[in-house]
Protein backbone atom coordinates (compact mmCIF):
# COMPACT_ATOMS: atom_id res chain seq x y z
CA SER A 1 -66.48 -89.78 -31.09
CA LEU A 2 -65.53 -89.95 -27.41
CA ALA A 3 -62.00 -88.86 -28.17
CA SER A 4 -63.15 -85.55 -29.58
CA MET A 5 -65.27 -84.89 -26.49
CA SER A 6 -62.42 -85.26 -24.03
CA SER A 7 -61.25 -82.16 -22.18
CA PRO A 8 -58.62 -80.04 -23.97
CA ASP A 9 -54.98 -80.67 -23.32
CA PRO A 10 -53.79 -77.79 -21.07
CA VAL A 11 -50.78 -77.21 -23.32
CA LYS A 12 -53.05 -76.60 -26.30
CA CYS A 13 -55.56 -74.47 -24.40
CA ASP A 14 -54.39 -71.13 -25.71
CA THR A 15 -54.30 -72.35 -29.31
CA LEU A 16 -57.82 -73.73 -29.04
CA ALA A 17 -59.06 -70.55 -27.42
CA GLN A 18 -57.63 -68.42 -30.21
CA HIS A 19 -59.43 -70.45 -32.91
CA ASN A 20 -62.74 -70.47 -31.09
CA LYS A 21 -64.98 -67.70 -32.34
CA GLN A 22 -67.66 -67.82 -29.65
CA PRO A 23 -66.80 -65.60 -26.64
CA ASN A 24 -68.49 -67.88 -24.09
CA HIS A 25 -66.46 -70.87 -25.19
CA LEU A 26 -63.35 -68.73 -25.15
CA LEU A 27 -63.89 -67.83 -21.50
CA LEU A 28 -64.59 -71.44 -20.60
CA LEU A 29 -61.41 -72.67 -22.23
CA ASN A 30 -59.34 -69.95 -20.58
CA SER A 31 -60.73 -70.74 -17.14
CA ASN A 32 -60.01 -74.45 -17.67
CA CYS A 33 -56.45 -73.63 -18.64
CA LYS A 34 -55.89 -71.53 -15.55
CA MET A 35 -57.10 -74.29 -13.27
CA THR A 36 -54.50 -76.69 -14.64
CA LYS A 37 -51.61 -74.38 -13.83
CA ALA A 38 -51.64 -73.80 -10.07
CA ASN A 39 -53.60 -74.55 -6.94
CA THR A 40 -54.67 -71.85 -4.53
CA ALA A 41 -52.50 -71.91 -1.42
CA PRO A 42 -54.31 -71.89 1.95
CA ILE A 43 -53.76 -68.81 4.13
CA LYS A 44 -54.03 -68.30 7.88
CA TRP A 45 -53.86 -64.88 9.51
CA ALA A 46 -53.96 -63.07 12.83
CA GLN A 47 -53.49 -59.41 13.68
CA ARG A 48 -52.45 -56.84 16.22
CA SER A 49 -53.24 -53.14 16.04
CA ASP A 50 -50.01 -52.42 14.16
CA SER A 51 -49.35 -55.60 12.15
CA LEU A 52 -50.57 -58.82 10.52
CA TYR A 53 -49.14 -62.33 10.84
CA ILE A 54 -49.82 -64.29 7.66
CA THR A 55 -49.02 -67.99 7.21
CA ILE A 56 -49.10 -69.78 3.86
CA ALA A 57 -49.76 -73.33 5.04
CA LEU A 58 -47.68 -75.35 2.59
CA PRO A 59 -44.84 -77.75 3.58
CA ASP A 60 -41.41 -77.86 1.92
CA VAL A 61 -41.99 -74.95 -0.45
CA LYS A 62 -39.48 -74.67 -3.29
CA GLU A 63 -38.96 -72.17 -6.12
CA GLU A 64 -40.94 -69.62 -4.16
CA SER A 65 -41.65 -66.15 -5.49
CA ILE A 66 -43.11 -63.65 -3.02
CA ASP A 67 -44.12 -60.16 -4.07
CA LEU A 68 -45.57 -57.97 -1.34
CA ALA A 69 -46.77 -54.51 -2.32
CA ASP A 70 -48.60 -51.96 -0.20
CA GLU A 71 -51.98 -53.25 -1.35
CA THR A 72 -51.40 -56.79 -2.66
CA LEU A 73 -49.60 -60.08 -1.95
CA LYS A 74 -48.59 -62.43 -4.73
CA PHE A 75 -46.97 -65.80 -4.13
CA LYS A 76 -45.99 -68.70 -6.35
CA GLY A 77 -44.19 -71.85 -5.31
CA LYS A 78 -44.02 -75.64 -5.43
CA SER A 79 -45.04 -77.92 -2.57
CA GLU A 80 -44.96 -81.72 -2.90
CA ASN A 81 -44.50 -81.36 -6.68
CA LYS A 82 -47.66 -79.28 -7.08
CA GLU A 83 -47.71 -75.62 -8.04
CA TYR A 84 -49.50 -73.17 -5.77
CA GLU A 85 -50.23 -69.48 -5.94
CA VAL A 86 -51.71 -66.62 -3.94
CA ASP A 87 -52.97 -63.39 -5.47
CA ILE A 88 -54.82 -61.26 -2.92
CA ALA A 89 -55.66 -57.61 -2.32
CA PHE A 90 -55.58 -56.42 1.29
CA LEU A 91 -58.54 -54.67 2.86
CA LYS A 92 -56.30 -51.70 3.73
CA PRO A 93 -52.73 -50.66 2.77
CA VAL A 94 -49.71 -52.30 4.42
CA ASP A 95 -46.09 -51.22 4.78
CA ALA A 96 -44.26 -53.57 2.42
CA GLU A 97 -40.79 -52.24 3.25
CA GLY A 98 -41.21 -52.78 6.98
CA SER A 99 -42.36 -56.39 6.60
CA THR A 100 -40.42 -59.66 6.72
CA TYR A 101 -40.95 -63.29 5.73
CA LYS A 102 -39.27 -66.65 6.16
CA VAL A 103 -39.73 -70.02 4.45
CA LEU A 104 -39.91 -72.73 7.13
CA PRO A 105 -40.17 -76.53 6.67
CA ARG A 106 -43.93 -76.66 7.31
CA SER A 107 -45.09 -73.25 6.08
CA ILE A 108 -44.15 -69.70 5.07
CA HIS A 109 -44.45 -67.04 7.79
CA MET A 110 -44.89 -63.33 7.13
CA HIS A 111 -44.93 -60.43 9.58
CA VAL A 112 -46.64 -57.63 7.67
CA MET A 113 -46.81 -54.13 9.12
CA LYS A 114 -49.98 -52.10 8.69
CA LYS A 115 -49.56 -48.78 6.91
CA GLU A 116 -51.94 -46.90 9.22
CA LYS A 117 -50.22 -47.63 12.52
CA ASP A 118 -51.65 -44.54 14.18
CA ALA A 119 -55.20 -45.80 13.69
CA GLU A 120 -54.58 -48.62 16.20
CA GLU A 121 -57.60 -50.54 15.05
CA PHE A 122 -58.26 -54.14 14.11
CA TRP A 123 -59.34 -54.95 10.57
CA PRO A 124 -62.72 -56.65 10.21
CA ARG A 125 -61.14 -59.01 7.65
CA LEU A 126 -57.88 -59.51 5.71
CA LEU A 127 -59.04 -59.13 2.10
CA LYS A 128 -61.03 -56.61 0.13
CA ASP A 129 -62.95 -59.47 -1.47
CA LYS A 130 -65.32 -61.04 1.09
CA ALA A 131 -66.11 -64.08 -1.06
CA LEU A 132 -62.43 -64.85 -1.66
CA GLU A 133 -61.70 -64.50 2.05
CA LYS A 134 -64.41 -67.02 2.88
CA ASN A 135 -62.92 -69.61 0.53
CA GLN A 136 -59.20 -69.03 0.93
CA VAL A 137 -58.46 -67.48 4.34
CA LYS A 138 -58.77 -68.90 7.86
CA VAL A 139 -58.14 -67.30 11.22
CA ASP A 140 -54.89 -68.39 12.89
CA TRP A 141 -56.39 -69.21 16.29
CA ASP A 142 -52.93 -69.97 17.76
CA ARG A 143 -52.00 -66.29 17.37
CA TYR A 144 -55.45 -64.73 17.67
CA VAL A 145 -56.26 -62.19 20.37
CA ASP A 146 -59.39 -60.14 20.88
CA GLU A 147 -58.99 -56.44 20.14
CA ASP A 148 -59.87 -55.59 23.76
CA GLU A 149 -57.30 -58.04 25.13
CA GLU A 150 -54.25 -57.08 23.09
CA GLU A 151 -51.25 -56.74 25.40
CA GLU A 152 -48.22 -57.37 23.22
CA GLY A 153 -47.16 -57.93 19.64
CA PHE A 154 -46.53 -61.22 17.89
CA ASP A 155 -43.80 -63.66 18.85
CA THR A 156 -41.69 -63.26 15.73
CA SER A 157 -38.88 -65.60 16.82
CA ALA A 158 -39.80 -67.93 13.93
CA LEU A 159 -38.76 -65.11 11.60
CA ASP A 160 -35.19 -64.81 12.92
CA GLY A 161 -32.95 -64.36 9.90
CA GLY A 162 -35.96 -63.74 7.70
CA GLN A 163 -35.85 -61.68 4.54
CA GLY A 164 -37.19 -58.19 4.12
CA MET A 165 -39.89 -57.45 1.60
CA GLY A 166 -40.48 -54.48 -0.62
CA GLY A 167 -36.78 -53.66 -0.91
CA GLY A 168 -36.38 -52.51 2.68
CA GLY A 169 -36.49 -55.01 5.48
CA MET A 170 -35.06 -54.78 8.96
CA PRO A 171 -31.38 -54.26 9.77
CA PRO A 172 -29.43 -57.46 10.51
CA GLY A 173 -30.26 -58.92 13.91
CA MET A 174 -33.56 -57.07 14.19
CA GLY A 175 -35.73 -59.72 12.54
CA GLY A 176 -36.89 -61.61 15.59
CA MET A 177 -37.10 -58.72 18.00
CA ASP A 178 -40.57 -57.73 19.06
CA MET A 179 -41.03 -54.02 18.39
CA ALA A 180 -43.22 -53.49 21.44
CA GLN A 181 -40.60 -55.04 23.70
CA MET A 182 -37.86 -53.01 22.06
CA MET A 183 -39.74 -49.77 22.57
CA ALA A 184 -40.52 -50.71 26.17
CA GLY A 185 -36.85 -51.41 26.77
CA MET A 186 -35.84 -48.07 25.33
CA GLY A 187 -38.40 -45.94 27.12
CA GLY A 188 -38.61 -45.21 30.83
CA GLY A 189 -35.35 -46.95 31.62
CA GLY A 190 -33.39 -43.80 32.33
CA GLY A 191 -30.81 -44.43 29.62
CA MET A 192 -28.44 -47.30 29.02
CA PRO A 193 -26.81 -49.06 32.01
CA GLY A 194 -23.39 -47.72 32.77
CA MET A 195 -23.86 -44.63 30.65
CA GLY A 196 -24.67 -42.22 33.43
CA GLY A 197 -22.10 -39.94 35.08
CA GLY A 198 -18.89 -38.43 33.78
CA GLY A 199 -17.16 -41.67 32.89
CA GLY A 200 -13.83 -40.14 33.99
């Protein structure tokens, strides 16, 4: 009958899969179940020699769970009553503890530091998996610069008050400060104003 041919109820997927003795059908049922759970969230990215700027382009995200490790990024959250997820492996290691993120009304922004800062090189792509990158990741042209034209780091003002990832994070008040500007301000200035002399 037509009723018996209808697609399996997602709630009963696992039960059906367990009773099915043919491995091919088992895989098919499992893949169908997974598709009913969460949508893949769209990602935009840009980079500088020392860091990545990753945007998960979902509005009004609630119940978010973000897990950044040195080699992977996992995200789950709800947007407009739909569940979304991200599960990606980076092309090269990142510094999870030195990275920050913030949930904004229109998207989630992440400033992720590269692990190999001394290399000072641009990555050819964001993910290890080329096929996944093609389907899930787009270049953030608003923040893009050519490797030969890099002059300064990202404007991280959108991340003011953002949360640290990987258990570390920046000290309070440091979130929105551009590291390149901070270093420039510290170096070559001849010390802090008003600090010179005996201060009698």
